[in-house]
């Protein structure tokens, strides 16, 4: 008799547990959908801004008659591109900002040391590795012998051949050396998100 009397109570508890699990599951699903939409929005925003600053009308402003330094010119708070970086082997084509900040790195590649044009010296360019195919995510797949192209705002394009690929500690700045034996050189820098090191791609223009 006692067992029969407790069955309804157990059934109610069981239903309450199932409803709780269902409620939590729905919340997780809704939260996941919102988070996915947020990530898509952020990625689209990065692409939108990158495309915006590469419009010819924006770039041509840099060469208008003005005494203001090109490096100081901004448009709506966004730094201008100094040119275009292309790596055909990984289908990479990105504008390069004239300076490096955390906010700019979220949008595109950033110049952080060396000449800003195809001149003798070592052009150093950094980019985020999101491990999702965007920005510098595929830079670790570049191989020795691949070509890198940099086109500055004067439409001068130089072809660089990758001759070295290696990793360094995050506090190692040796890759920025300007001792290039009279050659034009370009250095791409991104993160190895698994080791915390920096992946370095070195290329030279003969």
Protein backbone atom coordinates (compact mmCIF):
# COMPACT_ATOMS: atom_id res chain seq x y z
CA UNK A 1 0.00 0.00 0.00
CA UNK A 2 2.77 2.44 0.90
CA UNK A 3 4.55 1.75 -2.38
CA UNK A 4 1.42 2.52 -4.35
CA UNK A 5 0.98 5.80 -2.49
CA UNK A 6 4.55 6.97 -3.34
CA UNK A 7 4.37 6.27 -7.06
CA UNK A 8 2.58 9.56 -7.92
CA UNK A 9 5.18 11.52 -5.95
CA UNK A 10 8.04 9.86 -7.81
CA UNK A 11 6.31 10.49 -11.11
CA UNK A 12 5.96 14.20 -10.32
CA UNK A 13 9.64 14.43 -9.37
CA UNK A 14 10.61 12.61 -12.56
CA UNK A 15 8.52 14.99 -14.69
CA UNK A 16 9.98 18.00 -12.89
CA UNK A 17 13.51 16.79 -13.63
CA UNK A 18 12.65 16.22 -17.30
CA UNK A 19 11.11 19.68 -17.59
CA UNK A 20 14.20 21.21 -15.97
CA UNK A 21 16.50 19.40 -18.39
CA UNK A 22 14.34 20.49 -21.32
CA UNK A 23 14.34 24.11 -20.12
CA UNK A 24 18.12 24.18 -19.70
CA UNK A 25 18.59 22.54 -23.10
CA UNK A 26 16.42 25.16 -24.80
CA UNK A 27 18.37 27.95 -23.10
CA UNK A 28 21.67 26.43 -24.27
CA UNK A 29 20.39 26.11 -27.84
CA UNK A 30 19.09 29.70 -27.89
CA UNK A 31 22.33 30.97 -26.38
CA UNK A 32 24.38 29.05 -28.95
CA UNK A 33 22.34 30.49 -31.81
CA UNK A 34 22.81 34.05 -30.53
CA UNK A 35 26.55 33.47 -30.07
CA UNK A 36 26.88 32.06 -33.59
CA UNK A 37 25.01 35.06 -34.99
CA UNK A 38 27.35 37.35 -33.05
CA UNK A 39 30.44 35.65 -34.48
CA UNK A 40 29.04 35.89 -38.01
CA UNK A 41 28.24 39.59 -37.45
CA UNK A 42 31.77 40.30 -36.21
CA UNK A 43 33.35 38.48 -39.15
CA UNK A 44 31.13 40.30 -41.67
CA UNK A 45 31.95 43.61 -39.99
CA UNK A 46 35.70 42.96 -40.36
CA UNK A 47 35.26 42.17 -44.06
CA UNK A 48 33.03 45.20 -44.57
CA UNK A 49 35.54 47.61 -43.04
CA UNK A 50 38.48 46.01 -44.87
CA UNK A 51 36.67 46.37 -48.20
CA UNK A 52 35.69 49.94 -47.33
CA UNK A 53 39.23 51.17 -46.75
CA UNK A 54 40.40 49.58 -50.01
CA UNK A 55 38.00 51.62 -52.14
CA UNK A 56 39.98 53.73 -54.65
CA UNK A 57 38.21 56.88 -53.47
CA UNK A 58 39.56 56.35 -49.94
CA UNK A 59 43.09 55.52 -51.05
CA UNK A 60 43.36 58.41 -53.48
CA UNK A 61 42.78 60.82 -50.59
CA UNK A 62 46.25 59.98 -49.35
CA UNK A 63 47.76 61.54 -52.46
CA UNK A 64 45.65 64.68 -52.55
CA UNK A 65 47.45 68.02 -52.23
CA UNK A 66 47.97 68.30 -48.50
CA UNK A 67 50.79 69.10 -46.13
CA UNK A 68 49.47 66.52 -43.70
CA UNK A 69 51.55 63.37 -43.27
CA UNK A 70 50.02 60.33 -45.00
CA UNK A 71 50.55 58.27 -41.87
CA UNK A 72 48.43 60.66 -39.83
CA UNK A 73 45.39 60.67 -42.10
CA UNK A 74 42.33 58.83 -40.80
CA UNK A 75 38.80 58.52 -42.11
CA UNK A 76 35.96 58.11 -39.60
CA UNK A 77 38.52 56.98 -37.05
CA UNK A 78 39.85 54.18 -39.29
CA UNK A 79 43.51 54.20 -40.34
CA UNK A 80 44.20 54.01 -44.05
CA UNK A 81 45.71 51.10 -45.89
CA UNK A 82 49.29 51.48 -47.11
CA UNK A 83 48.83 48.80 -49.77
CA UNK A 84 47.72 45.27 -50.51
CA UNK A 85 49.28 42.00 -49.39
CA UNK A 86 48.70 38.94 -51.55
CA UNK A 87 49.77 35.31 -51.12
CA UNK A 88 48.32 33.26 -54.01
CA UNK A 89 49.21 29.86 -52.51
CA UNK A 90 46.76 30.40 -49.62
CA UNK A 91 44.30 32.67 -51.48
CA UNK A 92 45.19 35.61 -49.24
CA UNK A 93 44.52 39.18 -50.29
CA UNK A 94 44.32 41.84 -47.58
CA UNK A 95 44.77 45.58 -47.15
CA UNK A 96 47.61 46.51 -44.79
CA UNK A 97 47.13 49.25 -42.20
CA UNK A 98 49.91 51.77 -41.64
CA UNK A 99 49.97 51.06 -37.90
CA UNK A 100 49.29 48.26 -35.46
CA UNK A 101 46.64 48.37 -32.75
CA UNK A 102 44.47 45.67 -31.18
CA UNK A 103 41.39 47.10 -32.89
CA UNK A 104 43.01 47.28 -36.34
CA UNK A 105 44.34 43.72 -36.03
CA UNK A 106 40.74 42.53 -35.72
CA UNK A 107 40.02 44.01 -39.15
CA UNK A 108 43.04 43.30 -41.32
CA UNK A 109 46.84 42.98 -41.50
CA UNK A 110 48.97 45.70 -39.88
CA UNK A 111 52.40 47.10 -40.66
CA UNK A 112 54.43 47.43 -37.46
CA UNK A 113 58.08 47.92 -38.43
CA UNK A 114 60.36 48.75 -41.34
CA UNK A 115 59.59 50.57 -44.61
CA UNK A 116 55.97 51.06 -45.65
CA UNK A 117 56.71 50.71 -49.36
CA UNK A 118 58.64 48.34 -51.61
CA UNK A 119 62.03 49.71 -50.59
CA UNK A 120 65.29 48.19 -49.39
CA UNK A 121 64.69 46.94 -45.88
CA UNK A 122 62.37 44.58 -44.06
CA UNK A 123 58.62 45.30 -44.25
CA UNK A 124 57.14 43.68 -41.13
CA UNK A 125 53.43 42.83 -41.22
CA UNK A 126 51.37 41.16 -38.50
CA UNK A 127 47.92 39.56 -38.62
CA UNK A 128 45.59 37.60 -36.37
CA UNK A 129 45.35 33.83 -36.60
CA UNK A 130 41.73 33.01 -35.80
CA UNK A 131 42.07 29.38 -36.92
CA UNK A 132 38.98 29.86 -39.05
CA UNK A 133 40.41 30.72 -42.46
CA UNK A 134 40.14 34.51 -42.03
CA UNK A 135 42.95 37.09 -41.97
CA UNK A 136 46.30 35.33 -41.23
CA UNK A 137 44.75 31.98 -40.22
CA UNK A 138 46.30 30.24 -43.25
CA UNK A 139 49.70 31.93 -43.06
CA UNK A 140 51.12 28.87 -41.19
CA UNK A 141 50.42 26.90 -44.40
CA UNK A 142 52.80 29.03 -46.48
CA UNK A 143 55.76 27.01 -47.77
CA UNK A 144 59.32 27.93 -48.69
CA UNK A 145 59.29 28.84 -52.37
CA UNK A 146 55.82 30.42 -52.30
CA UNK A 147 55.37 33.95 -53.60
CA UNK A 148 54.21 37.01 -51.67
CA UNK A 149 53.17 40.20 -53.44
CA UNK A 150 52.97 43.65 -51.89
CA UNK A 151 51.44 46.52 -53.88
CA UNK A 152 51.82 49.99 -52.41
CA UNK A 153 49.58 53.00 -52.99
CA UNK A 154 51.64 54.09 -55.98
CA UNK A 155 50.62 50.78 -57.63
CA UNK A 156 54.21 49.57 -57.38
CA UNK A 157 54.09 45.82 -56.86
CA UNK A 158 57.02 43.63 -55.79
CA UNK A 159 57.23 39.86 -55.80
CA UNK A 160 58.88 38.25 -52.79
CA UNK A 161 59.96 34.61 -52.59
CA UNK A 162 59.62 32.82 -49.25
CA UNK A 163 63.02 31.54 -48.13
CA UNK A 164 62.45 30.79 -44.45
CA UNK A 165 59.67 29.69 -42.10
CA UNK A 166 60.15 29.26 -38.36
CA UNK A 167 58.80 30.00 -34.87
CA UNK A 168 60.06 32.33 -32.16
CA UNK A 169 59.06 33.20 -28.63
CA UNK A 170 56.59 36.05 -28.27
CA UNK A 171 59.27 38.37 -26.81
CA UNK A 172 61.79 37.72 -29.61
CA UNK A 173 62.06 40.70 -31.98
CA UNK A 174 64.96 39.43 -34.11
CA UNK A 175 62.65 38.94 -37.11
CA UNK A 176 62.34 42.73 -37.47
CA UNK A 177 66.03 43.24 -38.24
CA UNK A 178 66.67 45.67 -41.09
CA UNK A 179 69.97 44.03 -42.07
CA UNK A 180 68.90 42.70 -45.47
CA UNK A 181 72.19 42.98 -47.39
CA UNK A 182 70.68 45.58 -49.71
CA UNK A 183 67.60 43.52 -50.58
CA UNK A 184 63.90 44.19 -50.23
CA UNK A 185 62.44 41.80 -47.68
CA UNK A 186 59.01 41.13 -46.19
CA UNK A 187 58.21 39.42 -42.90
CA UNK A 188 54.78 38.05 -41.98
CA UNK A 189 54.06 37.42 -38.30
CA UNK A 190 51.14 35.59 -36.73
CA UNK A 191 50.41 33.45 -33.66
CA UNK A 192 50.64 29.73 -33.13
CA UNK A 193 47.60 29.40 -30.90
CA UNK A 194 48.69 25.98 -29.68
CA UNK A 195 52.19 26.85 -28.49
CA UNK A 196 51.92 30.58 -27.81
CA UNK A 197 54.87 31.21 -30.14
CA UNK A 198 55.02 33.48 -33.18
CA UNK A 199 55.09 31.98 -36.67
CA UNK A 200 57.50 33.86 -38.93
CA UNK A 201 57.47 33.87 -42.73
CA UNK A 202 60.48 35.49 -44.40
CA UNK A 203 60.51 36.40 -48.08
CA UNK A 204 62.96 38.29 -50.26
CA UNK A 205 62.73 40.22 -53.52
CA UNK A 206 65.71 39.75 -55.84
